[in-house]
Protein backbone atom coordinates (compact mmCIF):
# COMPACT_ATOMS: atom_id res chain seq x y z
CA MET A 1 -184.34 -23.30 179.58
CA ALA A 2 -186.15 -26.35 178.34
CA PHE A 3 -184.98 -28.55 175.46
CA ASP A 4 -187.18 -30.20 172.89
CA SER A 5 -185.21 -33.45 172.82
CA PHE A 6 -182.17 -35.22 174.25
CA GLY A 7 -180.24 -34.32 171.02
CA ALA A 8 -181.00 -30.63 171.53
CA PHE A 9 -179.87 -31.00 175.12
CA LEU A 10 -176.49 -32.49 173.93
CA SER A 11 -175.99 -29.84 171.21
CA MET A 12 -177.10 -26.91 173.46
CA ALA A 13 -177.72 -24.68 170.45
CA GLY A 14 -174.17 -25.20 169.10
CA HIS A 15 -172.40 -24.76 172.59
CA GLY A 16 -172.57 -28.39 173.44
CA PRO A 17 -169.08 -29.44 172.44
CA TYR A 18 -167.58 -26.63 174.57
CA VAL A 19 -169.81 -27.36 177.57
CA TRP A 20 -169.30 -31.05 177.53
CA ALA A 21 -165.53 -30.74 176.99
CA CYS A 22 -165.37 -28.49 180.03
CA TYR A 23 -167.30 -31.00 182.16
CA ILE A 24 -165.12 -33.92 181.01
CA THR A 25 -161.95 -31.95 181.66
CA PHE A 26 -163.14 -31.03 185.10
CA PHE A 27 -163.99 -34.54 186.16
CA VAL A 28 -160.76 -35.95 184.74
CA VAL A 29 -158.71 -33.37 186.68
CA LEU A 30 -160.80 -34.03 189.80
CA VAL A 31 -160.07 -37.77 189.68
CA GLN A 32 -156.36 -37.17 188.95
CA LEU A 33 -156.14 -34.88 192.02
CA MET A 34 -157.89 -37.46 194.19
CA VAL A 35 -155.51 -40.26 193.02
CA TRP A 36 -152.44 -37.97 193.46
CA SER A 37 -153.58 -36.91 196.94
CA TYR A 38 -154.17 -40.51 198.01
CA ARG A 39 -150.73 -41.53 196.71
CA ARG A 40 -149.02 -38.67 198.45
CA ARG A 41 -150.78 -39.39 201.66
CA THR A 42 -149.93 -43.09 201.49
CA ALA A 43 -146.26 -42.23 200.82
CA ALA A 44 -146.18 -39.79 203.66
CA MET A 45 -147.74 -42.31 206.14
CA GLU A 46 -145.24 -44.98 204.94
CA SER A 47 -142.30 -42.61 205.41
CA CYS A 48 -143.44 -41.75 208.92
CA ARG A 49 -143.89 -45.39 209.80
CA ARG A 50 -140.40 -46.27 208.52
CA GLY A 51 -138.99 -43.34 210.50
CA PHE A 52 -140.63 -44.48 213.67
CA GLU A 53 -139.51 -47.99 213.19
CA LEU A 54 -135.99 -46.74 212.59
CA GLN A 55 -135.99 -44.60 215.78
CA GLU A 56 -137.46 -47.50 217.72
CA GLY A 57 -134.67 -49.85 216.43
CA GLU A 58 -131.97 -47.32 217.48
CA LYS A 59 -133.31 -47.07 220.98
CA GLY A 60 -133.72 -50.79 221.61
CA PRO A 61 -136.61 -52.54 223.20
CA ALA A 62 -135.65 -51.42 226.79
CA ALA A 63 -135.91 -47.76 226.08
CA SER A 64 -139.40 -48.07 224.60
CA SER A 65 -140.91 -49.34 227.83
CA GLY A 66 -139.79 -46.37 229.95
CA ALA A 67 -140.69 -42.67 229.71
CA SER A 68 -138.53 -40.94 227.05
CA ALA A 69 -139.31 -37.35 228.08
CA SER A 70 -137.55 -35.51 230.85
CA PHE A 71 -138.72 -32.30 232.48
CA SER A 72 -136.77 -29.76 234.46
CA ARG A 73 -137.97 -26.63 236.28
CA VAL A 74 -137.05 -23.33 234.62
CA THR A 75 -136.55 -20.28 236.82
CA VAL A 76 -137.88 -17.11 235.31
CA SER A 77 -136.51 -13.88 236.70
CA GLN A 78 -138.89 -10.89 236.79
CA ASP A 79 -136.27 -8.11 236.72
């Protein structure tokens, strides 16, 4: 579909206001979702960082240098 002029392209045979309103709405919502996602990610990372710092503070500096995991052998019976 070819348009004779830029004005005809914007009006789109009377459908222009609907089409351009849809495009504007789409891009506004897209930007809002990007900002919301970035803020949620930043808040989650900050929460995790504070939690790790809190755990590290409870253990003390001596506990952080050694291994914190312990393993024990589990016997499985095949009855």
